[in-house]
Amino acid sequence: MDERFLPIFELTRGRIVESIHYGAIAMVDSNKKLLYSYGDPQTVAFLRSSAKPFQALPFFERNGPAAFGLTQKEQALICASHEGSDEHVRVAQSIQAKAGIAESDLQCGVHMPGDATAYKALIARGETPTTNRNNCSGKHSGMLAHAKMRGLPLDTYLDINHPIQQDILTAFAEMCDYPREKVELGVDGCSAPNFAAPLYNSALAFAWLCDPQNVSKTRAKASNEITSAMMTHPEMISGPSEFDCRLMQVGKGKIICKRGAEGFQAIGLLPGALGAASPGIGITFKVSDGDLLFRTLKIEPLNRVRPAVTLEILRQIGALNDSQMKELAEFGPTLPIKNHRGIVVGESRTAFK
């Protein structure tokens, strides 16, 4: 048994706990205080797509969005794991047109869209998805726009030694307050470099993103622009009916939320979210066995572990009231398990305090 992780989510059948997911959680405020943890907060984990706000940070610090006249909706897509809907594709195309880059410049690869309408439409038309349907096309458009603005090569923009990637790595390490040379490097599903750091440090990065009092004025301005874009247009960050979007809508300007692959989740609370004097807070957790995506009968994407765990964390610390929890009840933290005839046979529920 890996001692870094403790039971975090379970599924029952009858009176028996049939399956258990394990995880670790860290909650850190902008003063670097570890407020709560579950499991080992020093667990090193790849952020995967939860890193996207930090991958956008150097572009925002250089006033890239203003240079190209990007709207807040376009800024949000740069930080997004969008669902490849027609609207997401339109916004990606708009970024590319303004920045003077082409869809063919993107090196993120292709996959079927997460958006159910787009998914079914492509199949019905017999079409293969293009690169802009990739959930990372906004991030890659931002990286390419950054390179274009600085007159840097476009064809090698994903090389870890490219100035864009070096700036991203430095910014990420600084936001984590973690030595740059200790950041573990990997290659993400979209072929961009990705980073692993202790949960404590990645949570601190989100605390500083939401409450940038301990960073430079330039970085604070960029951080505020990123969180504002994410909360103003959460439908760009995931999909209109998905958890990240719905939590930010219900959070009403106090919460940012960014999922990552393989069971990583990040949440940021802005100052005042837990009361008038509360500082910014970052929360990160890792589900040890991942949180595989599956599709409903309506072909809508669904994760069962991370949304429920997120809601239970926020409920326990008082970040969401009863009314807000009811608005998000479709995601948990406790849900009935039904068989293929709709008969309730058990429940899924969180398993931590």
Protein backbone atom coordinates (compact mmCIF):
# COMPACT_ATOMS: atom_id res chain seq x y z
CA MET A 1 0.00 0.00 0.00
CA ASP A 2 1.30 3.45 -0.96
CA GLU A 3 1.30 5.36 2.33
CA ARG A 4 1.09 8.75 0.57
CA PHE A 5 -2.57 8.11 -0.23
CA LEU A 6 -5.64 7.47 1.94
CA PRO A 7 -9.22 6.39 1.06
CA ILE A 8 -10.91 9.34 -0.63
CA PHE A 9 -13.95 7.99 -2.51
CA GLU A 10 -15.89 4.76 -2.43
CA LEU A 11 -18.68 2.94 -4.23
CA THR A 12 -21.11 0.58 -2.54
CA ARG A 13 -23.30 -2.24 -3.73
CA GLY A 14 -25.89 -3.40 -1.23
CA ARG A 15 -24.22 -3.13 2.17
CA ILE A 16 -20.71 -3.73 0.83
CA VAL A 17 -18.08 -1.16 -0.17
CA GLU A 18 -17.27 -2.54 -3.59
CA SER A 19 -14.55 -0.14 -4.78
CA ILE A 20 -12.27 2.42 -3.12
CA HIS A 21 -10.26 5.24 -4.69
CA TYR A 22 -7.28 6.63 -2.76
CA GLY A 23 -5.91 10.16 -2.85
CA ALA A 24 -3.99 12.97 -1.20
CA ILE A 25 -5.09 16.59 -0.63
CA ALA A 26 -3.26 19.82 0.22
CA MET A 27 -4.84 23.17 1.10
CA VAL A 28 -2.50 26.18 1.39
CA ASP A 29 -3.15 29.90 1.86
CA SER A 30 -1.31 32.78 0.20
CA ASN A 31 0.76 33.24 3.36
CA LYS A 32 2.25 29.76 2.66
CA LYS A 33 0.42 28.15 5.58
CA LEU A 34 -0.69 24.55 5.14
CA LEU A 35 -4.28 24.80 6.36
CA TYR A 36 -5.41 21.21 5.90
CA SER A 37 -4.09 18.04 4.36
CA TYR A 38 -5.19 14.46 3.84
CA GLY A 39 -2.65 11.85 2.92
CA ASP A 40 0.82 13.24 2.20
CA PRO A 41 0.80 16.92 1.08
CA GLN A 42 4.36 16.43 -0.20
CA THR A 43 3.16 13.89 -2.77
CA VAL A 44 4.71 14.82 -6.12
CA ALA A 45 2.17 14.75 -8.95
CA PHE A 46 1.92 16.03 -12.51
CA LEU A 47 -0.57 18.86 -12.79
CA ARG A 48 -1.42 17.93 -16.37
CA SER A 49 -4.04 20.42 -17.62
CA SER A 50 -4.32 22.06 -14.21
CA ALA A 51 -1.02 23.76 -15.18
CA LYS A 52 -2.64 25.73 -18.01
CA PRO A 53 -3.08 29.04 -16.15
CA PHE A 54 0.66 29.01 -15.41
CA GLN A 55 1.52 28.06 -18.98
CA ALA A 56 -0.36 31.19 -20.03
CA LEU A 57 1.21 33.41 -17.37
CA PRO A 58 4.35 34.60 -19.25
CA PHE A 59 2.22 35.58 -22.27
CA PHE A 60 -0.03 37.67 -20.03
CA GLU A 61 2.98 39.17 -18.24
CA ARG A 62 4.26 40.46 -21.59
CA ASN A 63 0.83 41.97 -22.33
CA GLY A 64 0.29 39.52 -25.17
CA PRO A 65 -3.52 39.55 -24.98
CA ALA A 66 -3.56 43.35 -25.24
CA ALA A 67 -1.02 43.30 -28.08
CA PHE A 68 -3.33 41.11 -30.17
CA GLY A 69 -6.59 42.58 -28.93
CA LEU A 70 -7.79 39.32 -27.39
CA THR A 71 -11.16 39.37 -25.67
CA GLN A 72 -11.69 37.88 -22.21
CA LYS A 73 -13.37 34.91 -23.86
CA GLU A 74 -10.27 34.32 -25.97
CA GLN A 75 -8.03 34.79 -22.93
CA ALA A 76 -10.05 32.15 -21.06
CA LEU A 77 -9.67 29.64 -23.89
CA ILE A 78 -5.87 29.96 -23.63
CA CYS A 79 -6.22 28.64 -20.03
CA ALA A 80 -8.77 25.98 -20.94
CA SER A 81 -9.39 22.29 -21.40
CA HIS A 82 -12.30 23.06 -23.69
CA GLU A 83 -14.64 20.48 -25.16
CA GLY A 84 -14.17 21.11 -28.86
CA SER A 85 -17.63 22.54 -29.44
CA ASP A 86 -18.27 24.67 -32.51
CA GLU A 87 -18.06 27.77 -30.28
CA HIS A 88 -14.75 26.66 -28.80
CA VAL A 89 -13.40 26.13 -32.31
CA ARG A 90 -14.64 29.56 -33.38
CA VAL A 91 -12.85 31.24 -30.48
CA ALA A 92 -9.63 29.32 -31.21
CA GLN A 93 -9.82 30.41 -34.84
CA SER A 94 -10.29 34.02 -33.73
CA ILE A 95 -7.15 33.88 -31.56
CA GLN A 96 -5.18 32.47 -34.46
CA ALA A 97 -6.45 35.09 -36.91
CA LYS A 98 -5.56 37.95 -34.56
CA ALA A 99 -2.11 36.53 -33.82
CA GLY A 100 -1.26 35.76 -37.44
CA ILE A 101 -0.86 32.01 -36.91
CA ALA A 102 -2.58 29.06 -38.54
CA GLU A 103 -4.31 25.96 -37.21
CA SER A 104 -1.64 23.97 -39.05
CA ASP A 105 0.98 25.51 -36.72
CA LEU A 106 -0.53 23.74 -33.72
CA GLN A 107 1.30 20.57 -32.66
CA CYS A 108 -1.24 19.30 -30.10
CA GLY A 109 -2.60 16.46 -32.25
CA VAL A 110 -6.24 15.50 -32.72
CA HIS A 111 -8.92 13.65 -30.77
CA MET A 112 -12.70 13.49 -30.84
CA PRO A 113 -14.38 16.47 -29.15
CA GLY A 114 -15.70 16.11 -25.63
CA ASP A 115 -18.80 18.13 -26.53
CA ALA A 116 -21.62 15.66 -27.22
CA THR A 117 -23.24 17.73 -29.98
CA ALA A 118 -19.97 18.16 -31.87
CA TYR A 119 -19.05 14.50 -31.28
CA LYS A 120 -22.29 13.23 -32.80
CA ALA A 121 -22.22 15.76 -35.64
CA LEU A 122 -18.73 14.75 -36.74
CA ILE A 123 -19.73 11.08 -36.78
CA ALA A 124 -22.93 11.83 -38.68
CA ARG A 125 -20.99 13.79 -41.29
CA GLY A 126 -18.20 11.21 -41.46
CA GLU A 127 -15.63 13.87 -40.60
CA THR A 128 -12.30 13.54 -38.84
CA PRO A 129 -11.76 16.20 -36.16
CA THR A 130 -9.18 18.88 -36.85
CA THR A 131 -6.57 20.21 -34.44
CA ASN A 132 -8.81 22.99 -33.14
CA ARG A 133 -11.15 20.34 -31.69
CA ASN A 134 -8.31 19.28 -29.36
CA ASN A 135 -9.07 20.41 -25.81
CA CYS A 136 -5.62 22.06 -25.67
CA SER A 137 -5.89 24.10 -28.88
CA GLY A 138 -6.43 27.31 -26.92
CA LYS A 139 -3.28 26.73 -24.87
CA HIS A 140 -1.24 25.98 -27.98
CA SER A 141 -2.65 29.04 -29.76
CA GLY A 142 -1.50 31.12 -26.79
CA MET A 143 2.00 29.64 -26.88
CA LEU A 144 2.27 30.26 -30.62
CA ALA A 145 0.93 33.80 -30.25
CA HIS A 146 3.56 34.43 -27.58
CA ALA A 147 6.30 33.13 -29.89
CA LYS A 148 4.95 35.17 -32.81
CA MET A 149 4.89 38.34 -30.72
CA ARG A 150 8.55 37.90 -29.79
CA GLY A 151 9.73 36.85 -33.23
CA LEU A 152 10.67 33.37 -32.00
CA PRO A 153 10.53 30.13 -34.03
CA LEU A 154 7.09 28.58 -34.33
CA ASP A 155 8.07 25.10 -35.43
CA THR A 156 9.94 24.29 -32.18
CA TYR A 157 7.62 26.03 -29.72
CA LEU A 158 7.10 22.80 -27.73
CA ASP A 159 10.80 22.09 -27.26
CA ILE A 160 11.64 22.43 -23.55
CA ASN A 161 14.66 24.54 -24.54
CA HIS A 162 12.53 27.00 -26.56
CA PRO A 163 12.43 30.42 -24.82
CA ILE A 164 8.64 30.16 -24.45
CA GLN A 165 8.88 26.85 -22.56
CA GLN A 166 11.80 28.08 -20.48
CA ASP A 167 9.78 31.14 -19.41
CA ILE A 168 6.84 28.92 -18.54
CA LEU A 169 8.99 26.58 -16.45
CA THR A 170 10.53 29.50 -14.57
CA ALA A 171 7.14 31.13 -13.92
CA PHE A 172 5.64 27.86 -12.72
CA ALA A 173 8.53 27.16 -10.33
CA GLU A 174 8.38 30.68 -8.93
CA MET A 175 4.62 30.51 -8.38
CA CYS A 176 5.12 27.18 -6.59
CA ASP A 177 7.98 28.66 -4.53
CA TYR A 178 9.86 25.53 -5.53
CA PRO A 179 13.37 25.18 -6.96
CA ARG A 180 13.25 25.15 -10.74
CA GLU A 181 15.73 22.30 -10.96
CA LYS A 182 13.52 20.13 -8.75
CA VAL A 183 10.43 20.41 -10.97
CA GLU A 184 9.92 17.04 -12.61
CA LEU A 185 9.35 17.26 -16.35
CA GLY A 186 7.18 15.10 -18.58
CA VAL A 187 5.36 15.31 -21.91
CA ASP A 188 1.61 15.91 -21.79
CA GLY A 189 -1.03 14.30 -23.99
CA CYS A 190 -0.92 17.37 -26.23
CA SER A 191 2.91 17.05 -26.56
CA ALA A 192 3.64 20.18 -24.50
CA PRO A 193 6.03 19.96 -21.55
CA ASN A 194 4.28 19.31 -18.25
CA PHE A 195 5.38 19.65 -14.65
CA ALA A 196 5.20 17.68 -11.42
CA ALA A 197 5.63 19.25 -7.99
CA PRO A 198 4.52 18.47 -4.42
CA LEU A 199 0.81 19.04 -3.78
CA TYR A 200 1.71 21.65 -1.16
CA ASN A 201 3.59 23.71 -3.74
CA SER A 202 1.03 23.40 -6.53
CA ALA A 203 -1.66 24.45 -4.04
CA LEU A 204 0.46 27.47 -3.10
CA ALA A 205 0.73 28.37 -6.79
CA PHE A 206 -3.06 28.53 -7.02
CA ALA A 207 -3.24 30.53 -3.79
CA TRP A 208 -0.85 33.10 -5.26
CA LEU A 209 -2.69 33.09 -8.59
CA CYS A 210 -5.88 34.03 -6.71
CA ASP A 211 -4.20 36.37 -4.21
CA PRO A 212 -1.01 37.67 -5.86
CA GLN A 213 0.14 39.87 -2.98
CA ASN A 214 3.56 38.20 -2.74
CA VAL A 215 4.58 38.46 -6.40
CA SER A 216 5.72 41.33 -8.63
CA LYS A 217 3.25 43.96 -9.85
CA THR A 218 3.60 42.64 -13.39
CA ARG A 219 2.82 39.09 -12.29
CA ALA A 220 0.00 40.24 -10.03
CA LYS A 221 -1.65 42.07 -12.93
CA ALA A 222 -1.30 39.01 -15.17
CA SER A 223 -2.65 36.71 -12.44
CA ASN A 224 -5.70 38.93 -11.94
CA GLU A 225 -6.34 38.97 -15.68
CA ILE A 226 -6.20 35.18 -15.86
CA THR A 227 -8.51 34.54 -12.91
CA SER A 228 -10.93 37.20 -14.14
CA ALA A 229 -11.09 35.65 -17.61
CA MET A 230 -11.62 32.17 -16.17
CA MET A 231 -14.46 33.27 -13.88
CA THR A 232 -16.09 35.56 -16.44
CA HIS A 233 -16.13 32.87 -19.14
CA PRO A 234 -16.10 29.49 -17.39
CA GLU A 235 -17.89 28.00 -20.40
CA MET A 236 -14.58 28.36 -22.23
CA ILE A 237 -12.61 26.54 -19.52
CA SER A 238 -14.45 23.22 -19.95
CA GLY A 239 -17.97 22.88 -21.30
CA PRO A 240 -21.23 24.59 -20.25
CA SER A 241 -22.56 21.57 -18.37
CA GLU A 242 -19.25 20.30 -17.00
CA PHE A 243 -18.10 20.54 -13.42
CA ASP A 244 -15.30 23.12 -13.72
CA CYS A 245 -17.65 25.50 -15.50
CA ARG A 246 -20.59 24.90 -13.19
CA LEU A 247 -18.52 25.34 -10.01
CA MET A 248 -17.15 28.68 -11.21
CA GLN A 249 -20.65 29.84 -12.16
CA VAL A 250 -22.03 28.91 -8.76
CA GLY A 251 -18.93 30.32 -7.04
CA LYS A 252 -19.90 33.79 -8.30
CA GLY A 253 -16.46 35.35 -8.68
CA LYS A 254 -14.83 33.66 -5.68
CA ILE A 255 -13.69 30.30 -7.07
CA ILE A 256 -11.55 29.10 -9.97
CA CYS A 257 -11.40 25.43 -10.89
CA LYS A 258 -9.12 23.57 -13.30
CA ARG A 259 -9.08 19.83 -13.81
CA GLY A 260 -6.12 17.80 -15.01
CA ALA A 261 -5.79 14.30 -16.41
CA GLU A 262 -5.10 11.19 -14.33
CA GLY A 263 -7.01 12.35 -11.28
CA PHE A 264 -5.45 15.77 -10.65
CA GLN A 265 -7.68 18.67 -9.60
CA ALA A 266 -6.91 22.26 -8.62
CA ILE A 267 -9.17 24.84 -6.99
CA GLY A 268 -8.42 28.43 -6.09
CA LEU A 269 -10.38 30.57 -3.64
CA LEU A 270 -10.10 34.32 -3.96
CA PRO A 271 -9.63 36.53 -0.89
CA GLY A 272 -12.87 36.77 1.08
CA ALA A 273 -14.22 33.40 -0.07
CA LEU A 274 -14.22 32.12 3.53
CA GLY A 275 -15.08 35.45 5.16
CA ALA A 276 -14.04 39.07 4.90
CA ALA A 277 -10.51 38.52 6.20
CA SER A 278 -9.71 35.20 4.52
CA PRO A 279 -6.67 35.19 2.21
CA GLY A 280 -6.44 33.47 -1.14
CA ILE A 281 -6.37 29.69 -0.86
CA GLY A 282 -5.17 26.98 -3.20
CA ILE A 283 -6.36 23.38 -3.06
CA THR A 284 -4.87 20.53 -5.06
CA PHE A 285 -5.47 16.83 -4.88
CA LYS A 286 -4.46 13.70 -6.71
CA VAL A 287 -6.57 10.56 -7.08
CA SER A 288 -3.92 7.86 -7.04
CA ASP A 289 -5.46 5.60 -9.69
CA GLY A 290 -6.64 8.45 -11.89
CA ASP A 291 -10.27 9.35 -12.57
CA LEU A 292 -11.09 7.89 -15.94
CA LEU A 293 -13.55 9.71 -18.15
CA PHE A 294 -16.63 7.84 -19.33
CA ARG A 295 -19.63 8.93 -21.36
CA THR A 296 -23.30 8.83 -20.45
CA LEU A 297 -26.01 7.50 -22.76
CA LYS A 298 -26.22 11.05 -24.12
CA ILE A 299 -22.45 10.83 -24.92
CA GLU A 300 -21.75 13.54 -22.36
CA PRO A 301 -18.32 13.24 -20.66
CA LEU A 302 -18.36 12.47 -16.95
CA ASN A 303 -15.85 11.98 -14.13
CA ARG A 304 -17.20 10.51 -10.93
CA VAL A 305 -14.41 11.08 -8.37
CA ARG A 306 -12.95 14.59 -8.67
CA PRO A 307 -16.19 16.62 -8.77
CA ALA A 308 -17.55 14.84 -5.70
CA VAL A 309 -14.26 15.18 -3.79
CA THR A 310 -14.02 18.86 -4.70
CA LEU A 311 -17.53 19.55 -3.45
CA GLU A 312 -16.90 17.71 -0.20
CA ILE A 313 -13.69 19.68 0.43
CA LEU A 314 -15.49 22.97 -0.19
CA ARG A 315 -18.44 21.87 1.95
CA GLN A 316 -16.22 20.90 4.87
CA ILE A 317 -14.38 24.25 4.90
CA GLY A 318 -17.55 26.30 4.39
CA ALA A 319 -16.69 27.65 0.94
CA LEU A 320 -20.10 26.64 -0.43
CA ASN A 321 -23.41 27.15 1.35
CA ASP A 322 -26.38 24.79 1.28
CA SER A 323 -27.98 26.59 -1.65
CA GLN A 324 -24.81 26.37 -3.72
CA MET A 325 -24.39 22.70 -2.85
CA LYS A 326 -27.95 22.04 -4.06
CA GLU A 327 -27.16 23.75 -7.37
CA LEU A 328 -24.26 21.33 -7.86
CA ALA A 329 -25.95 18.23 -6.43
CA GLU A 330 -25.79 16.40 -9.78
CA PHE A 331 -22.02 16.07 -9.16
CA GLY A 332 -22.19 14.74 -5.58
CA PRO A 333 -20.71 14.48 -3.06
CA THR A 334 -23.07 11.48 -2.63
CA LEU A 335 -24.96 10.01 -5.57
CA PRO A 336 -27.07 6.89 -6.14
CA ILE A 337 -25.62 4.16 -8.34
CA LYS A 338 -28.19 2.80 -10.77
CA ASN A 339 -28.04 -0.25 -12.98
CA HIS A 340 -29.06 -0.32 -16.64
CA ARG A 341 -32.75 -0.50 -15.72
CA GLY A 342 -32.50 2.52 -13.45
CA ILE A 343 -32.71 0.49 -10.23
CA VAL A 344 -30.68 1.95 -7.34
CA VAL A 345 -28.10 -0.67 -6.35
CA GLY A 346 -25.69 1.38 -4.22
CA GLU A 347 -24.12 4.80 -3.89
CA SER A 348 -20.93 6.68 -4.65
CA ARG A 349 -19.63 8.87 -1.83
CA THR A 350 -16.60 10.65 -0.49
CA ALA A 351 -14.64 8.97 2.29
CA PHE A 352 -12.45 11.56 4.02
CA LYS A 353 -12.46 14.33 6.61
